[in-house]
N, C-alpha and C. Protein backbone atom coordinates (compact mmCIF):
# COMPACT_ATOMS: atom_id res chain seq x y z
N UNK A 1 -4.98 13.02 8.32
CA UNK A 1 -4.93 11.45 8.37
C UNK A 1 -3.94 10.70 7.75
N UNK A 2 -3.73 11.08 6.08
CA UNK A 2 -2.93 10.40 5.29
C UNK A 2 -1.71 11.25 5.41
N UNK A 3 -0.54 10.82 4.70
CA UNK A 3 0.64 11.72 4.73
C UNK A 3 0.52 12.14 3.41
N UNK A 4 -0.41 11.84 2.29
CA UNK A 4 -0.74 12.12 0.84
C UNK A 4 -1.87 12.05 0.79
N UNK A 5 -2.62 12.81 -0.49
CA UNK A 5 -3.95 12.99 -0.93
C UNK A 5 -4.09 11.16 -1.39
N UNK A 6 -5.31 10.66 -1.22
CA UNK A 6 -5.62 9.42 -1.53
C UNK A 6 -7.01 9.44 -1.99
N UNK A 7 -7.31 8.25 -2.72
CA UNK A 7 -8.45 8.12 -3.45
C UNK A 7 -9.26 6.96 -2.62
N UNK A 8 -10.41 6.56 -2.92
CA UNK A 8 -11.21 5.41 -2.35
C UNK A 8 -10.77 4.18 -2.54
N UNK A 9 -9.70 3.70 -3.27
CA UNK A 9 -9.48 2.58 -3.35
C UNK A 9 -8.53 2.29 -2.19
N UNK A 10 -8.20 3.04 -1.52
CA UNK A 10 -7.23 2.52 -0.13
C UNK A 10 -8.33 2.11 0.92
N UNK A 11 -9.59 2.45 0.52
CA UNK A 11 -10.69 2.18 1.55
C UNK A 11 -10.33 2.55 2.88
N UNK A 12 -11.05 1.96 3.91
CA UNK A 12 -11.08 2.53 5.36
C UNK A 12 -10.53 1.60 6.17
N UNK A 13 -10.76 1.58 7.42
CA UNK A 13 -10.00 0.74 8.23
C UNK A 13 -10.22 -0.74 8.02
N UNK A 14 -9.26 -1.62 7.88
CA UNK A 14 -9.29 -2.87 7.62
C UNK A 14 -9.61 -3.66 8.81
N UNK A 15 -9.89 -4.73 8.76
CA UNK A 15 -9.89 -5.77 9.61
C UNK A 15 -8.70 -6.34 9.93
N UNK A 16 -8.42 -6.93 11.32
CA UNK A 16 -6.75 -7.22 11.34
C UNK A 16 -6.45 -8.28 10.34
N UNK A 17 -7.80 -9.43 10.44
CA UNK A 17 -7.38 -10.42 9.46
C UNK A 17 -7.23 -9.94 7.85
N UNK A 18 -7.88 -9.01 7.45
CA UNK A 18 -7.59 -8.52 6.33
C UNK A 18 -6.16 -7.87 6.34
N UNK A 19 -5.65 -7.25 7.20
CA UNK A 19 -4.46 -6.75 7.22
C UNK A 19 -3.32 -7.45 7.19
N UNK A 20 -3.65 -8.59 7.88
CA UNK A 20 -2.74 -9.90 7.91
C UNK A 20 -2.73 -10.44 6.56
N UNK A 21 -3.56 -10.72 5.94
CA UNK A 21 -3.51 -10.83 4.81
C UNK A 21 -2.69 -10.26 3.73
N UNK A 22 -3.17 -8.81 3.77
CA UNK A 22 -2.11 -8.12 2.92
C UNK A 22 -0.63 -8.06 3.01
N UNK A 23 -0.36 -8.31 4.48
CA UNK A 23 0.96 -8.09 4.82
C UNK A 23 1.69 -9.42 4.38
N UNK A 24 0.82 -10.80 4.35
CA UNK A 24 1.52 -12.17 4.00
C UNK A 24 1.54 -11.92 2.34
N UNK A 25 0.63 -11.44 1.54
CA UNK A 25 0.83 -11.41 0.21
C UNK A 25 2.08 -10.37 -0.21
N UNK A 26 2.11 -9.67 0.49
CA UNK A 26 3.29 -8.58 -0.12
C UNK A 26 4.46 -9.22 0.26
N UNK A 27 4.77 -9.87 1.59
CA UNK A 27 6.07 -10.56 2.08
C UNK A 27 6.23 -11.69 0.89
N UNK A 28 5.08 -12.24 0.66
CA UNK A 28 5.55 -13.37 -0.53
C UNK A 28 5.99 -12.79 -1.97
N UNK A 29 5.65 -11.53 -2.24
CA UNK A 29 6.19 -10.69 -3.36
C UNK A 29 7.48 -10.36 -3.39
N UNK A 30 7.84 -10.19 -1.87
CA UNK A 30 8.97 -9.76 -1.61
C UNK A 30 10.05 -10.97 -1.89
N UNK A 31 9.65 -11.89 -1.49
CA UNK A 31 10.61 -13.15 -1.51
C UNK A 31 10.85 -13.65 -2.91
N UNK A 32 9.64 -13.06 -3.74
CA UNK A 32 9.74 -13.32 -5.20
C UNK A 32 10.58 -12.54 -6.18
N UNK A 33 11.01 -11.26 -5.38
CA UNK A 33 11.75 -10.15 -6.04
C UNK A 33 12.91 -10.72 -6.91
N UNK A 34 13.20 -10.19 -7.98
CA UNK A 34 14.23 -10.62 -9.15
C UNK A 34 15.45 -9.95 -9.17
N UNK A 35 15.39 -8.70 -8.44
CA UNK A 35 16.45 -7.65 -8.32
C UNK A 35 16.46 -6.74 -6.82
N UNK A 36 17.29 -6.22 -6.74
CA UNK A 36 17.92 -5.43 -5.64
C UNK A 36 16.46 -4.15 -5.57
N UNK A 37 16.54 -3.48 -6.92
CA UNK A 37 15.55 -2.67 -6.77
C UNK A 37 14.08 -2.88 -6.57
N UNK A 38 13.71 -3.93 -6.96
CA UNK A 38 12.36 -4.49 -7.01
C UNK A 38 12.19 -5.16 -5.50
N UNK A 39 13.19 -5.63 -4.81
CA UNK A 39 13.19 -5.82 -3.45
C UNK A 39 12.85 -4.84 -2.42
N UNK A 40 13.41 -3.72 -2.98
CA UNK A 40 13.39 -2.52 -1.92
C UNK A 40 12.21 -2.00 -2.30
N UNK A 41 11.46 -2.29 -3.35
CA UNK A 41 10.25 -1.52 -3.58
C UNK A 41 9.02 -2.50 -2.89
N UNK A 42 9.34 -3.82 -2.82
CA UNK A 42 8.50 -4.63 -2.26
C UNK A 42 8.87 -4.71 -0.83
N UNK A 43 9.85 -4.46 -0.12
CA UNK A 43 10.08 -4.29 1.07
C UNK A 43 9.21 -2.80 1.43
N UNK A 44 9.41 -1.91 0.75
CA UNK A 44 8.59 -0.58 1.01
C UNK A 44 6.82 -0.98 1.21
N UNK A 45 6.52 -1.86 0.30
CA UNK A 45 5.13 -2.35 0.12
C UNK A 45 4.69 -3.22 1.49
N UNK A 46 5.63 -3.85 1.93
CA UNK A 46 5.54 -4.63 3.17
C UNK A 46 5.40 -3.90 4.38
N UNK A 47 6.37 -3.02 4.29
CA UNK A 47 6.22 -1.74 5.65
C UNK A 47 4.90 -1.01 5.44
N UNK A 48 4.40 -0.68 4.37
CA UNK A 48 3.25 -0.01 4.16
C UNK A 48 2.13 -0.90 4.63
N UNK A 49 2.11 -2.34 4.33
CA UNK A 49 0.92 -2.73 4.73
C UNK A 49 0.93 -3.19 6.18
N UNK A 50 2.27 -3.32 6.93
CA UNK A 50 2.41 -3.14 8.11
C UNK A 50 1.79 -1.94 9.01
N UNK A 51 1.79 -0.74 8.28
CA UNK A 51 1.41 0.35 8.72
C UNK A 51 -0.32 0.10 8.57
N UNK A 52 -0.90 -0.50 7.64
CA UNK A 52 -2.46 -0.55 7.60
C UNK A 52 -2.85 -1.50 8.62
N UNK A 53 -1.68 -2.49 9.10
CA UNK A 53 -2.06 -3.66 10.22
C UNK A 53 -2.26 -2.72 11.43
N UNK A 54 -1.11 -1.93 11.78
CA UNK A 54 -1.15 -1.19 12.76
C UNK A 54 -2.31 -0.16 12.87
N UNK A 55 -2.73 0.43 11.57
CA UNK A 55 -3.83 1.23 11.67
C UNK A 55 -5.06 0.35 12.18
N UNK A 56 -5.32 -0.71 11.62
CA UNK A 56 -6.24 -1.47 11.99
C UNK A 56 -6.44 -1.84 13.49
N UNK A 57 -5.65 -1.82 14.21
CA UNK A 57 -5.55 -2.10 15.50
C UNK A 57 -5.83 -0.86 16.34
N UNK A 58 -5.50 0.36 15.80
CA UNK A 58 -5.88 1.44 16.40
C UNK A 58 -7.07 2.18 15.80
N UNK A 59 -7.66 1.63 14.83
CA UNK A 59 -8.84 1.98 14.39
C UNK A 59 -8.85 3.36 13.61
N UNK A 60 -7.39 3.23 12.73
CA UNK A 60 -7.23 4.16 11.45
C UNK A 60 -6.87 3.39 10.32
N UNK A 61 -7.26 3.97 9.02
CA UNK A 61 -6.99 3.05 7.66
C UNK A 61 -5.44 2.90 7.68
N UNK A 62 -4.69 3.74 8.09
CA UNK A 62 -3.23 3.68 7.85
C UNK A 62 -2.40 4.44 9.02
N UNK A 63 -1.27 4.06 9.35
CA UNK A 63 -0.27 4.33 10.21
C UNK A 63 1.24 4.48 9.71
N UNK A 64 1.63 5.62 9.67
CA UNK A 64 2.98 5.98 9.04
C UNK A 64 4.11 4.67 9.83
N UNK A 65 4.87 3.84 9.02
CA UNK A 65 5.45 2.96 9.22
C UNK A 65 7.19 2.99 8.93
N UNK A 66 7.88 2.68 9.34
CA UNK A 66 9.25 2.93 8.88
C UNK A 66 9.61 2.15 7.73
N UNK A 67 10.07 2.74 6.89
CA UNK A 67 10.42 2.17 5.50
C UNK A 67 9.15 2.00 4.42
N UNK A 68 8.22 2.77 4.54
CA UNK A 68 6.97 2.78 3.79
C UNK A 68 7.06 4.02 2.60
N UNK A 69 8.42 4.88 2.49
CA UNK A 69 8.45 5.73 1.85
C UNK A 69 8.28 5.68 0.35
N UNK A 70 8.87 4.50 -0.18
CA UNK A 70 8.82 4.36 -1.93
C UNK A 70 7.28 4.00 -2.15
N UNK A 71 6.67 3.13 -1.31
CA UNK A 71 5.22 2.86 -1.64
C UNK A 71 4.56 4.48 -1.56
N UNK A 72 4.67 4.98 -0.43
CA UNK A 72 4.03 6.38 -0.36
C UNK A 72 4.39 7.11 -1.61
N UNK A 73 5.75 7.34 -2.26
CA UNK A 73 5.84 8.08 -3.11
C UNK A 73 5.31 7.76 -4.58
N UNK A 74 5.19 6.32 -4.83
CA UNK A 74 4.56 5.88 -5.75
C UNK A 74 3.02 6.06 -6.00
N UNK A 75 2.32 6.08 -4.58
CA UNK A 75 1.07 6.64 -4.59
C UNK A 75 0.76 7.93 -4.89
N UNK A 76 1.55 8.68 -4.49
CA UNK A 76 1.56 10.30 -4.79
C UNK A 76 1.66 10.41 -6.13
N UNK A 77 2.75 9.94 -6.93
CA UNK A 77 2.71 9.86 -8.18
C UNK A 77 1.70 9.50 -8.94
N UNK A 78 0.97 8.19 -8.53
CA UNK A 78 -0.29 7.74 -9.35
C UNK A 78 -1.43 8.87 -9.13
N UNK A 79 -1.67 9.32 -7.89
CA UNK A 79 -2.69 10.45 -7.77
C UNK A 79 -2.43 11.73 -8.56
N UNK A 80 -1.25 12.05 -8.49
CA UNK A 80 -1.03 13.21 -9.48
C UNK A 80 -1.37 12.86 -11.12
N UNK A 81 -0.84 11.86 -11.42
CA UNK A 81 -0.83 11.24 -12.84
C UNK A 81 -2.10 10.83 -13.09
N UNK A 82 -3.02 10.26 -12.56
CA UNK A 82 -4.40 9.30 -13.05
C UNK A 82 -5.61 9.67 -12.01
N UNK A 83 -4.97 9.82 -10.75
CA UNK A 83 -6.16 10.25 -9.81
C UNK A 83 -6.56 8.72 -8.92
N UNK A 84 -5.39 8.11 -8.84
CA UNK A 84 -5.84 6.74 -8.17
C UNK A 84 -4.44 6.26 -7.71
N UNK A 85 -4.57 5.54 -6.36
CA UNK A 85 -3.38 5.06 -5.72
C UNK A 85 -3.00 3.70 -6.43
N UNK A 86 -3.57 3.21 -6.75
CA UNK A 86 -3.62 1.73 -7.47
C UNK A 86 -2.45 1.71 -8.76
N UNK A 87 -1.84 0.67 -9.12
CA UNK A 87 -1.28 0.84 -10.21
C UNK A 87 -2.19 0.53 -11.47
N UNK A 88 -1.85 1.02 -12.56
CA UNK A 88 -2.81 0.80 -13.69
C UNK A 88 -3.03 -0.51 -14.16
N UNK A 89 -2.18 -1.36 -13.81
CA UNK A 89 -2.54 -2.92 -14.23
C UNK A 89 -3.44 -3.63 -13.16
N UNK A 90 -3.66 -2.83 -11.90
CA UNK A 90 -4.53 -3.35 -10.90
C UNK A 90 -5.81 -2.58 -10.54
N UNK A 91 -5.92 -1.57 -11.68
CA UNK A 91 -7.39 -1.17 -11.72
C UNK A 91 -8.41 -1.70 -12.08
N UNK A 92 -9.42 -2.00 -11.32
CA UNK A 92 -10.64 -2.59 -11.78
C UNK A 92 -11.27 -1.96 -12.79
N UNK A 93 -11.56 -2.55 -13.87
CA UNK A 93 -12.23 -2.11 -15.15
C UNK A 93 -11.47 -0.57 -15.58
N UNK A 94 -10.31 -0.39 -15.01
CA UNK A 94 -9.65 0.71 -15.55
C UNK A 94 -10.05 2.18 -14.92
N UNK A 95 -10.92 1.93 -13.95
CA UNK A 95 -11.30 3.45 -13.18
C UNK A 95 -11.03 2.94 -11.67
N UNK A 96 -10.93 4.09 -11.33
CA UNK A 96 -10.94 4.03 -9.59
C UNK A 96 -12.14 3.66 -8.91
N UNK A 97 -12.39 3.18 -7.89
CA UNK A 97 -13.51 2.67 -7.22
C UNK A 97 -14.47 4.12 -7.02
């Protein structure tokens, strides 16, 4: 189902409304990027959330989408390092769900 091993933080299938909100949030972060590298990471995050939106339409948690590779790489590194796809700063109570 996923191109990488994931934890429960990714969750299941999003509603279309939830997925659209995530795309909007990531797009806003892209607009506020301060450097080329940061913009590329945010663009990958936008692509990943579009994959979540497509997934919500077809009934899957996620569908691979063009340009999502940086986000998938970050997630795989986090899973290897501390067992969660979320960044350490975004972990609720410092633990995975």
